[in-house]
């Protein structure tokens, strides 16, 4: 047996294989683009290393693509061949892969937590528990998991910086913004390539409405995410959002073209970056040209996937509108069909919040803002189950708010804005301030019109105000 970089025993006997395994683990922690190469080299030198096969399968499942399921199943079969010779800790990873392939990622988390109960300094298990919880939208679980193992990490532990990066993100997602900023900065001191910790601090600036400080944080730190796999596009997405919040739409579009969509992949994470940025721009009345076309063509081929509702909703965002009614309808019907089965946790999330959110997006794309607002506001409380972060899901919140403005539901929209502000440290960003101004202006115009009308028609008495008489006040989304 050998020991890995974290001081844990492995069933490997070859020093070269152990070096590859250490590189795989550190690559996973750093979101490194070289991780797959190290895993391939490891499997070439130690094809019977069951833990590596399990990591291969879990990594494939994290990509959220149904066509990769056979490859993940093959990895499980290869891992199971070495189950008896694997160490007890390594077997838990194999069991985690089997549970996820059976449609139960929450049970995969349980296996990772069982590893951590015995080996709290297993940074790979920590990162996987964190990552799967993120996919499931379990922010409280992310934080609790990290905080259970945090006391066990010595200052010189090789994974401590990445642990702090995970802690920073979990703190941010649970509203502890000041602590999150401190933890994220500490993470970068210990692990300068911890893009996850760096991006956690970017999230803090997003959630507290301080885009200028966010840009100052990211500017000059590009090397902290230059080594990343496609996660680097997501960090550039954050920077584009900061420019957008400051009204710098030209810079946001430039980053879209040069970084966010530098590679025209159909990876759902890249699609979510692109669609949500374009939608935010359109909600501000910015014409985005033909940029939707490239996305919609890719998303039209993903309508039958069904791996993750988070992915499906972003595919649908690209398909809403007059040119892709057939594809968008096909996707919505498939979401509803999966929701009726509810055999897997993914299908359960198709039901809640998937069905309502999908209908809301469809109605929004058709300009039926009353229905869009009804559907989207109806799933607000459960939308976290779609996974992702507050910042990622905020595009749906913005569409809900703008739909409410366009159908005149000002009082309800104000409550949503108040709730949104409370979750953001009590501070409105520029988006929210602009919508509050729109509501105030619409109410002032309505009051003036009614006062004028009352003088001429009602003898000075004010008639009752009907919500359906309210005029749309939000910017009009340009036709695609």
Protein backbone atom coordinates (compact mmCIF):
# COMPACT_ATOMS: atom_id res chain seq x y z
CA UNK A 1 0.00 0.00 0.00
CA UNK A 2 0.99 3.64 -0.47
CA UNK A 3 -0.10 6.89 1.11
CA UNK A 4 -1.65 9.72 -0.88
CA UNK A 5 -0.97 13.42 -0.62
CA UNK A 6 -3.43 13.67 2.27
CA UNK A 7 -1.68 10.93 4.26
CA UNK A 8 -4.35 8.31 3.60
CA UNK A 9 -3.63 4.73 2.65
CA UNK A 10 -4.53 3.59 -0.85
CA UNK A 11 -4.56 0.16 -2.46
CA UNK A 12 -2.02 1.34 -5.03
CA UNK A 13 1.44 -0.25 -4.98
CA UNK A 14 3.16 1.75 -7.71
CA UNK A 15 4.78 5.12 -6.92
CA UNK A 16 4.09 6.46 -10.42
CA UNK A 17 0.41 5.54 -10.14
CA UNK A 18 0.32 7.23 -6.74
CA UNK A 19 1.71 10.42 -8.27
CA UNK A 20 -1.03 10.36 -10.89
CA UNK A 21 -3.64 9.75 -8.19
CA UNK A 22 -2.40 12.70 -6.15
CA UNK A 23 -2.60 14.86 -9.28
CA UNK A 24 -6.16 13.68 -9.90
CA UNK A 25 -7.24 14.60 -6.38
CA UNK A 26 -5.58 18.00 -6.45
CA UNK A 27 -7.02 18.59 -9.91
CA UNK A 28 -10.55 17.89 -8.70
CA UNK A 29 -10.07 20.35 -5.85
CA UNK A 30 -8.72 23.05 -8.19
CA UNK A 31 -11.16 22.40 -11.08
CA UNK A 32 -8.08 21.86 -13.21
CA UNK A 33 -8.32 21.18 -16.93
CA UNK A 34 -5.53 18.62 -16.59
CA UNK A 35 -7.47 16.36 -14.24
CA UNK A 36 -8.84 14.12 -16.99
CA UNK A 37 -5.33 13.61 -18.40
CA UNK A 38 -4.02 12.53 -15.01
CA UNK A 39 -6.98 10.19 -14.53
CA UNK A 40 -6.36 8.65 -17.94
CA UNK A 41 -2.67 8.15 -17.14
CA UNK A 42 -3.59 6.58 -13.80
CA UNK A 43 -6.02 4.14 -15.39
CA UNK A 44 -3.36 3.19 -17.93
CA UNK A 45 -0.87 2.32 -15.20
CA UNK A 46 -3.39 0.92 -12.69
CA UNK A 47 -6.56 -0.16 -14.54
CA UNK A 48 -7.60 -2.29 -11.55
CA UNK A 49 -7.57 0.65 -9.13
CA UNK A 50 -11.26 0.59 -8.24
CA UNK A 51 -11.28 4.03 -6.63
CA UNK A 52 -10.09 5.65 -9.85
CA UNK A 53 -12.82 3.88 -11.80
CA UNK A 54 -15.37 5.16 -9.29
CA UNK A 55 -14.09 8.73 -9.64
CA UNK A 56 -14.30 8.40 -13.41
CA UNK A 57 -17.96 7.36 -13.14
CA UNK A 58 -18.87 10.07 -10.64
CA UNK A 59 -17.14 12.70 -12.79
CA UNK A 60 -19.18 11.57 -15.80
CA UNK A 61 -22.42 11.86 -13.83
CA UNK A 62 -21.52 15.38 -12.74
CA UNK A 63 -21.51 16.40 -16.40
CA UNK A 64 -25.31 15.94 -16.48
CA UNK A 65 -25.54 14.28 -19.89
CA UNK A 66 -27.68 11.21 -20.50
CA UNK A 67 -25.44 9.90 -23.29
CA UNK A 68 -22.61 9.49 -20.74
CA UNK A 69 -24.61 7.12 -18.54
CA UNK A 70 -23.33 3.97 -20.36
CA UNK A 71 -19.75 5.11 -19.78
CA UNK A 72 -20.48 5.72 -16.11
CA UNK A 73 -22.06 2.27 -15.90
CA UNK A 74 -18.94 0.76 -17.47
CA UNK A 75 -16.82 2.55 -14.88
CA UNK A 76 -19.00 1.11 -12.12
CA UNK A 77 -18.61 -2.40 -13.48
CA UNK A 78 -14.84 -1.96 -13.64
CA UNK A 79 -14.81 -0.61 -10.09
CA UNK A 80 -16.94 -3.45 -8.78
CA UNK A 81 -14.45 -5.99 -10.18
CA UNK A 82 -11.92 -4.57 -7.74
CA UNK A 83 -14.35 -4.09 -4.85
CA UNK A 84 -13.03 -6.96 -2.71
CA UNK A 85 -9.42 -5.81 -2.98
CA UNK A 86 -10.32 -2.17 -2.30
CA UNK A 87 -9.87 -0.60 1.12
CA UNK A 88 -13.03 0.09 3.15
CA UNK A 89 -12.73 3.83 2.43
CA UNK A 90 -12.35 3.19 -1.30
CA UNK A 91 -15.41 0.95 -1.35
CA UNK A 92 -17.58 3.84 -0.22
CA UNK A 93 -16.76 5.69 -3.43
CA UNK A 94 -17.85 2.68 -5.46
CA UNK A 95 -21.09 2.50 -3.49
CA UNK A 96 -21.61 6.23 -4.06
CA UNK A 97 -21.34 5.77 -7.82
CA UNK A 98 -23.79 2.85 -7.71
CA UNK A 99 -26.30 4.90 -5.69
CA UNK A 100 -26.15 7.83 -8.09
CA UNK A 101 -26.52 5.58 -11.12
CA UNK A 102 -29.60 4.20 -9.39
CA UNK A 103 -31.06 7.70 -9.40
CA UNK A 104 -30.25 8.53 -5.77
CA UNK A 105 -27.47 11.13 -5.58
CA UNK A 106 -28.46 11.92 -1.99
CA UNK A 107 -27.35 8.39 -1.08
CA UNK A 108 -24.06 9.06 -2.83
CA UNK A 109 -23.67 11.99 -0.45
CA UNK A 110 -24.36 9.67 2.47
CA UNK A 111 -21.48 7.44 1.37
CA UNK A 112 -19.14 10.42 1.20
CA UNK A 113 -20.22 11.47 4.67
CA UNK A 114 -19.49 7.94 5.90
CA UNK A 115 -15.97 8.33 4.54
CA UNK A 116 -15.61 11.66 6.31
CA UNK A 117 -16.88 10.26 9.60
CA UNK A 118 -13.83 7.98 9.65
CA UNK A 119 -11.38 10.11 7.65
CA UNK A 120 -12.44 13.77 8.05
CA UNK A 121 -9.32 14.90 6.18
CA UNK A 122 -10.28 13.05 3.00
CA UNK A 123 -10.45 16.20 0.89
CA UNK A 124 -11.75 14.36 -2.15
CA UNK A 125 -14.77 13.04 -0.24
CA UNK A 126 -15.30 16.53 1.17
CA UNK A 127 -15.27 18.08 -2.31
CA UNK A 128 -17.59 15.45 -3.78
CA UNK A 129 -20.10 15.78 -0.94
CA UNK A 130 -19.98 19.54 -1.50
CA UNK A 131 -20.35 19.23 -5.26
CA UNK A 132 -23.25 16.80 -5.26
CA UNK A 133 -25.07 18.86 -2.64
CA UNK A 134 -24.58 21.89 -4.89
CA UNK A 135 -26.22 20.04 -7.78
CA UNK A 136 -29.14 19.20 -5.49
CA UNK A 137 -29.47 22.75 -4.12
CA UNK A 138 -28.60 21.79 -0.53
CA UNK A 139 -26.80 24.90 0.73
CA UNK A 140 -27.33 24.13 4.43
CA UNK A 141 -25.97 20.65 3.90
CA UNK A 142 -22.89 22.02 2.14
CA UNK A 143 -22.12 24.24 5.09
CA UNK A 144 -22.78 21.60 7.73
CA UNK A 145 -20.60 19.05 5.93
CA UNK A 146 -17.61 21.39 5.70
CA UNK A 147 -17.96 22.62 9.26
CA UNK A 148 -18.01 19.06 10.60
CA UNK A 149 -14.55 18.35 9.22
CA UNK A 150 -12.98 21.81 9.46
CA UNK A 151 -11.49 21.29 12.97
CA UNK A 152 -9.59 18.20 11.78
CA UNK A 153 -7.51 20.06 9.20
CA UNK A 154 -4.03 21.08 10.27
CA UNK A 155 -2.76 24.41 8.91
CA UNK A 156 -0.34 22.58 6.59
CA UNK A 157 -2.83 20.02 5.26
CA UNK A 158 -2.59 19.93 1.45
CA UNK A 159 -6.35 20.33 1.08
CA UNK A 160 -6.97 23.03 3.68
CA UNK A 161 -7.07 25.94 1.23
CA UNK A 162 -9.65 24.15 -0.93
CA UNK A 163 -11.65 23.26 2.17
CA UNK A 164 -11.77 26.95 3.07
CA UNK A 165 -12.90 27.72 -0.48
CA UNK A 166 -15.80 25.30 -0.08
CA UNK A 167 -16.55 26.81 3.33
CA UNK A 168 -16.57 30.29 1.80
CA UNK A 169 -19.08 29.27 -0.85
CA UNK A 170 -21.30 27.47 1.66
CA UNK A 171 -21.22 30.49 3.96
CA UNK A 172 -22.19 32.77 1.09
CA UNK A 173 -25.05 30.53 -0.01
CA UNK A 174 -26.40 30.52 3.56
CA UNK A 175 -26.21 34.30 3.91
CA UNK A 176 -23.07 34.69 6.05
CA UNK A 177 -21.51 37.14 3.63
CA UNK A 178 -18.83 38.73 5.82
CA UNK A 179 -17.51 35.38 7.01
CA UNK A 180 -17.65 34.06 3.45
CA UNK A 181 -15.46 36.88 2.18
CA UNK A 182 -12.88 36.23 4.89
CA UNK A 183 -12.83 32.48 4.28
CA UNK A 184 -12.52 32.93 0.53
CA UNK A 185 -9.55 35.24 0.89
CA UNK A 186 -7.89 32.82 3.29
CA UNK A 187 -8.45 30.04 0.76
CA UNK A 188 -6.54 31.96 -1.89
CA UNK A 189 -3.65 32.61 0.49
CA UNK A 190 -3.23 28.87 1.06
CA UNK A 191 -4.17 27.68 -2.44
CA UNK A 192 -3.60 30.37 -5.08
CA UNK A 193 -5.28 28.18 -7.73
CA UNK A 194 -8.49 27.72 -5.72
CA UNK A 195 -10.88 29.13 -8.30
CA UNK A 196 -13.84 27.95 -6.21
CA UNK A 197 -12.81 30.09 -3.25
CA UNK A 198 -12.10 33.05 -5.51
CA UNK A 199 -15.51 32.69 -7.11
CA UNK A 200 -17.14 32.45 -3.65
CA UNK A 201 -15.89 35.96 -2.92
CA UNK A 202 -17.29 37.09 -6.29
CA UNK A 203 -20.63 35.67 -5.15
CA UNK A 204 -20.44 37.74 -1.98
CA UNK A 205 -20.08 40.91 -4.03
CA UNK A 206 -22.99 39.84 -6.25
CA UNK A 207 -25.28 39.11 -3.30
CA UNK A 208 -24.43 42.35 -1.53
CA UNK A 209 -24.91 44.48 -4.63
CA UNK A 210 -21.32 45.73 -4.81
CA UNK A 211 -20.30 45.12 -8.40
CA UNK A 212 -17.49 47.68 -8.31
CA UNK A 213 -15.80 45.86 -5.44
CA UNK A 214 -16.39 42.58 -7.27
CA UNK A 215 -14.52 43.82 -10.32
CA UNK A 216 -11.67 45.02 -8.12
CA UNK A 217 -11.53 41.55 -6.58
CA UNK A 218 -11.37 39.71 -9.92
CA UNK A 219 -9.16 42.13 -11.84
CA UNK A 220 -5.56 40.98 -11.73
CA UNK A 221 -6.39 37.53 -10.35
CA UNK A 222 -7.00 35.85 -13.70
CA UNK A 223 -4.28 33.26 -13.01
CA UNK A 224 -6.45 31.87 -10.22
CA UNK A 225 -8.86 30.51 -12.81
CA UNK A 226 -6.82 30.36 -16.03
CA UNK A 227 -5.89 26.72 -15.31
CA UNK A 228 -9.51 25.62 -14.93
CA UNK A 229 -11.68 23.38 -17.04
CA UNK A 230 -14.86 25.04 -18.28
CA UNK A 231 -15.33 26.48 -14.79
CA UNK A 232 -13.19 29.36 -16.05
CA UNK A 233 -16.08 30.43 -18.28
CA UNK A 234 -18.25 30.68 -15.21
CA UNK A 235 -15.83 33.03 -13.47
CA UNK A 236 -15.80 35.24 -16.57
CA UNK A 237 -19.62 35.09 -16.41
CA UNK A 238 -19.46 36.58 -12.94
CA UNK A 239 -17.32 39.40 -14.23
CA UNK A 240 -19.78 40.06 -17.06
CA UNK A 241 -22.63 40.24 -14.54
CA UNK A 242 -20.74 42.85 -12.56
CA UNK A 243 -20.32 45.00 -15.66
CA UNK A 244 -24.02 44.57 -16.42
CA UNK A 245 -25.02 45.67 -12.93
CA UNK A 246 -22.98 48.83 -13.44
CA UNK A 247 -24.75 49.50 -16.73
CA UNK A 248 -21.63 48.64 -18.75
CA UNK A 249 -23.46 46.53 -21.30
CA UNK A 250 -20.79 46.81 -23.99
CA UNK A 251 -18.24 45.26 -21.64
CA UNK A 252 -20.69 42.52 -20.68
CA UNK A 253 -21.33 41.64 -24.32
CA UNK A 254 -17.61 41.71 -25.10
CA UNK A 255 -16.93 39.22 -22.30
CA UNK A 256 -19.79 37.07 -23.58
CA UNK A 257 -18.14 36.84 -26.99
CA UNK A 258 -14.50 36.53 -25.94
CA UNK A 259 -14.70 34.47 -22.74
CA UNK A 260 -18.13 33.19 -21.68
CA UNK A 261 -18.78 31.65 -25.12
CA UNK A 262 -15.18 31.39 -26.21
CA UNK A 263 -15.83 27.72 -26.91
CA UNK A 264 -19.26 26.94 -28.34
CA UNK A 265 -19.94 23.85 -26.25
CA UNK A 266 -23.30 22.36 -25.31
CA UNK A 267 -22.15 21.56 -21.76
CA UNK A 268 -25.11 22.54 -19.62
CA UNK A 269 -22.97 24.69 -17.35
CA UNK A 270 -21.71 26.68 -20.32
CA UNK A 271 -25.24 26.92 -21.70
CA UNK A 272 -26.52 28.19 -18.35
CA UNK A 273 -23.84 30.89 -18.27
CA UNK A 274 -24.75 32.03 -21.77
CA UNK A 275 -28.54 31.89 -21.62
CA UNK A 276 -28.80 33.58 -18.25
CA UNK A 277 -26.48 36.40 -19.30
CA UNK A 278 -28.36 37.02 -22.54
CA UNK A 279 -31.69 37.00 -20.72
CA UNK A 280 -30.46 39.49 -18.15
CA UNK A 281 -29.25 41.74 -20.95
CA UNK A 282 -32.60 41.52 -22.72
CA UNK A 283 -34.47 42.32 -19.53
CA UNK A 284 -32.50 45.56 -19.50
CA UNK A 285 -33.63 46.29 -23.04
CA UNK A 286 -30.28 45.43 -24.64
CA UNK A 287 -30.41 43.98 -28.16
CA UNK A 288 -28.15 40.93 -28.25
CA UNK A 289 -28.20 40.37 -31.98
CA UNK A 290 -28.13 36.80 -33.26
CA UNK A 291 -26.41 35.34 -30.21
CA UNK A 292 -29.47 33.29 -29.27
CA UNK A 293 -29.35 31.38 -32.56
CA UNK A 294 -26.20 29.46 -31.75
CA UNK A 295 -27.57 28.49 -28.33
CA UNK A 296 -31.01 27.50 -29.54
CA UNK A 297 -29.57 25.20 -32.19
CA UNK A 298 -27.55 23.37 -29.54
CA UNK A 299 -30.39 23.26 -27.03
CA UNK A 300 -32.82 21.89 -29.60
CA UNK A 301 -30.74 18.71 -29.49
CA UNK A 302 -30.94 18.43 -25.69
CA UNK A 303 -34.73 18.33 -25.23
CA UNK A 304 -34.82 14.60 -24.43
CA UNK A 305 -31.91 14.55 -21.99
CA UNK A 306 -33.63 14.73 -18.61
CA UNK A 307 -30.49 14.49 -16.47
CA UNK A 308 -31.00 17.69 -14.48
CA UNK A 309 -33.88 20.14 -14.27
CA UNK A 310 -31.33 22.96 -13.89
CA UNK A 311 -30.00 22.08 -17.33
CA UNK A 312 -33.46 21.65 -18.86
CA UNK A 313 -34.64 25.06 -17.71
CA UNK A 314 -31.66 26.76 -19.31
CA UNK A 315 -32.13 24.78 -22.52
CA UNK A 316 -35.74 25.96 -22.47
CA UNK A 317 -34.67 29.56 -21.97
CA UNK A 318 -32.82 29.37 -25.27
CA UNK A 319 -35.81 27.80 -27.02
CA UNK A 320 -38.58 30.16 -25.93
CA UNK A 321 -39.88 32.41 -28.67
CA UNK A 322 -41.63 32.02 -32.01
CA UNK A 323 -38.89 30.14 -33.87
CA UNK A 324 -38.61 27.08 -31.64
CA UNK A 325 -42.12 26.35 -30.43
CA UNK A 326 -41.91 22.71 -31.48
CA UNK A 327 -38.67 22.10 -29.56
CA UNK A 328 -39.75 24.05 -26.48
CA UNK A 329 -43.07 22.22 -26.36
CA UNK A 330 -41.26 18.88 -26.73
CA UNK A 331 -38.98 19.74 -23.82
CA UNK A 332 -41.88 20.84 -21.60
CA UNK A 333 -43.84 17.66 -22.36
CA UNK A 334 -40.79 15.56 -21.52
CA UNK A 335 -40.31 17.38 -18.21
CA UNK A 336 -43.95 16.67 -17.33
CA UNK A 337 -43.61 13.03 -18.38
CA UNK A 338 -40.54 12.60 -16.14
CA UNK A 339 -42.37 14.35 -13.32
CA UNK A 340 -45.16 11.79 -13.43
CA UNK A 341 -42.69 8.94 -12.92
CA UNK A 342 -40.80 10.33 -9.91
CA UNK A 343 -38.67 7.18 -9.73
CA UNK A 344 -35.42 9.10 -9.36
CA UNK A 345 -34.45 12.24 -7.52
CA UNK A 346 -33.90 13.96 -10.87
CA UNK A 347 -37.49 13.15 -11.85
CA UNK A 348 -38.78 14.38 -8.51
CA UNK A 349 -37.17 17.72 -9.27
CA UNK A 350 -38.75 17.69 -12.70
CA UNK A 351 -42.03 17.75 -10.78
CA UNK A 352 -41.00 20.35 -8.23
CA UNK A 353 -40.00 22.95 -9.24
CA UNK A 354 -39.59 21.85 -12.86
CA UNK A 355 -43.11 21.76 -14.26
CA UNK A 356 -44.17 25.15 -12.97
CA UNK A 357 -40.89 26.83 -13.89
CA UNK A 358 -41.01 25.40 -17.42
CA UNK A 359 -44.55 26.63 -17.98
CA UNK A 360 -43.52 30.03 -16.66
CA UNK A 361 -40.62 30.29 -19.08
CA UNK A 362 -42.84 29.26 -21.96
CA UNK A 363 -45.46 31.86 -21.08
CA UNK A 364 -42.80 34.54 -20.68
CA UNK A 365 -41.42 33.78 -24.12
CA UNK A 366 -44.92 34.07 -25.60
CA UNK A 367 -45.51 37.42 -23.92
CA UNK A 368 -48.22 36.02 -21.64
CA UNK A 369 -46.91 37.77 -18.54
CA UNK A 370 -49.91 37.07 -16.32
CA UNK A 371 -49.45 33.32 -16.71
CA UNK A 372 -45.68 33.63 -16.56
CA UNK A 373 -45.91 35.48 -13.27
CA UNK A 374 -48.37 32.99 -11.83
CA UNK A 375 -46.18 30.00 -12.69
CA UNK A 376 -42.81 31.52 -11.82
CA UNK A 377 -43.94 33.10 -8.55
CA UNK A 378 -45.56 29.81 -7.65
CA UNK A 379 -42.23 27.95 -7.68
CA UNK A 380 -40.08 30.59 -5.97
CA UNK A 381 -40.07 28.75 -2.66
CA UNK A 382 -38.93 25.47 -4.22
CA UNK A 383 -36.63 26.73 -6.96
CA UNK A 384 -33.50 25.98 -4.92
CA UNK A 385 -34.25 22.30 -5.55
CA UNK A 386 -33.24 22.89 -9.16
CA UNK A 387 -29.68 23.27 -7.90
CA UNK A 388 -27.11 25.90 -8.69
CA UNK A 389 -26.39 29.04 -6.71
CA UNK A 390 -28.43 32.06 -5.70
CA UNK A 391 -26.66 34.04 -8.42
CA UNK A 392 -27.46 31.45 -11.07
CA UNK A 393 -31.11 31.16 -10.09
CA UNK A 394 -31.49 34.93 -9.93
CA UNK A 395 -32.25 35.01 -13.65
CA UNK A 396 -35.53 33.22 -12.88
CA UNK A 397 -36.18 35.69 -10.07
CA UNK A 398 -35.65 38.58 -12.46
CA UNK A 399 -37.99 37.06 -15.02
CA UNK A 400 -40.59 36.61 -12.28
CA UNK A 401 -40.26 40.22 -11.21
CA UNK A 402 -40.38 41.58 -14.76
CA UNK A 403 -43.38 39.41 -15.62
CA UNK A 404 -45.15 40.79 -12.54
CA UNK A 405 -44.36 44.34 -13.60
CA UNK A 406 -45.69 43.75 -17.08
CA UNK A 407 -48.97 42.34 -15.81
CA UNK A 408 -49.34 45.06 -13.20
CA UNK A 409 -48.90 42.97 -10.03
CA UNK A 410 -47.01 45.78 -8.34
CA UNK A 411 -47.81 44.92 -4.73
CA UNK A 412 -46.71 41.30 -5.11
CA UNK A 413 -43.60 42.31 -7.01
CA UNK A 414 -42.69 44.69 -4.20
CA UNK A 415 -42.96 41.83 -1.71
CA UNK A 416 -40.66 39.74 -3.91
CA UNK A 417 -38.19 42.61 -4.15
CA UNK A 418 -38.29 43.01 -0.37
CA UNK A 419 -37.66 39.30 0.10
CA UNK A 420 -34.85 39.38 -2.44
CA UNK A 421 -33.25 42.32 -0.61
CA UNK A 422 -33.51 40.55 2.75
CA UNK A 423 -31.64 37.56 1.32
CA UNK A 424 -28.95 39.88 -0.04
CA UNK A 425 -27.83 41.38 3.21
CA UNK A 426 -30.48 44.08 3.22
CA UNK A 427 -29.13 45.83 0.14
CA UNK A 428 -30.71 46.30 -3.29
CA UNK A 429 -28.57 45.97 -6.38
CA UNK A 430 -29.06 48.28 -9.35
CA UNK A 431 -31.50 45.85 -10.95
CA UNK A 432 -33.82 46.03 -7.94
CA UNK A 433 -33.47 49.79 -7.58
CA UNK A 434 -34.48 50.25 -11.21
CA UNK A 435 -37.59 48.06 -10.73
CA UNK A 436 -38.62 49.92 -7.61
CA UNK A 437 -38.31 53.14 -9.56
CA UNK A 438 -40.50 51.70 -12.31
CA UNK A 439 -43.18 50.76 -9.79
CA UNK A 440 -43.08 54.20 -8.20
CA UNK A 441 -43.34 55.88 -11.60
CA UNK A 442 -46.23 53.68 -12.70
CA UNK A 443 -48.11 54.34 -9.48
CA UNK A 444 -47.50 58.06 -9.81
CA UNK A 445 -48.76 58.06 -13.40
CA UNK A 446 -51.80 55.99 -12.45
CA UNK A 447 -52.59 58.29 -9.52
CA UNK A 448 -52.29 61.36 -11.71
CA UNK A 449 -54.54 59.86 -14.39
CA UNK A 450 -57.16 58.86 -11.83
CA UNK A 451 -57.09 62.24 -10.15
CA UNK A 452 -57.59 63.94 -13.51
CA UNK A 453 -60.34 61.50 -14.42
CA UNK A 454 -62.07 61.93 -11.06
CA UNK A 455 -62.28 65.67 -11.48
CA UNK A 456 -64.15 65.29 -14.75
CA UNK A 457 -66.16 62.10 -14.30
CA UNK A 458 -66.48 61.25 -10.62
CA UNK A 459 -67.06 64.60 -8.96
CA UNK A 460 -63.73 64.49 -7.18
CA UNK A 461 -64.25 60.95 -5.82
CA UNK A 462 -61.58 58.37 -6.70
CA UNK A 463 -62.82 55.24 -8.50
CA UNK A 464 -61.44 51.85 -7.44
CA UNK A 465 -58.11 50.85 -9.01
CA UNK A 466 -58.16 47.58 -10.93
CA UNK A 467 -54.91 45.68 -11.27
CA UNK A 468 -55.76 44.62 -14.80
CA UNK A 469 -55.78 48.26 -15.80
CA UNK A 470 -52.12 48.67 -14.92
CA UNK A 471 -49.76 49.26 -17.80
CA UNK A 472 -46.55 47.29 -18.42
CA UNK A 473 -43.62 49.33 -17.15
CA UNK A 474 -40.60 47.07 -17.55
CA UNK A 475 -38.35 47.26 -20.61
CA UNK A 476 -39.66 45.27 -23.52
CA UNK A 477 -37.65 42.18 -24.39
CA UNK A 478 -36.41 42.60 -27.97
CA UNK A 479 -37.74 40.09 -30.49
CA UNK A 480 -35.23 37.32 -31.17
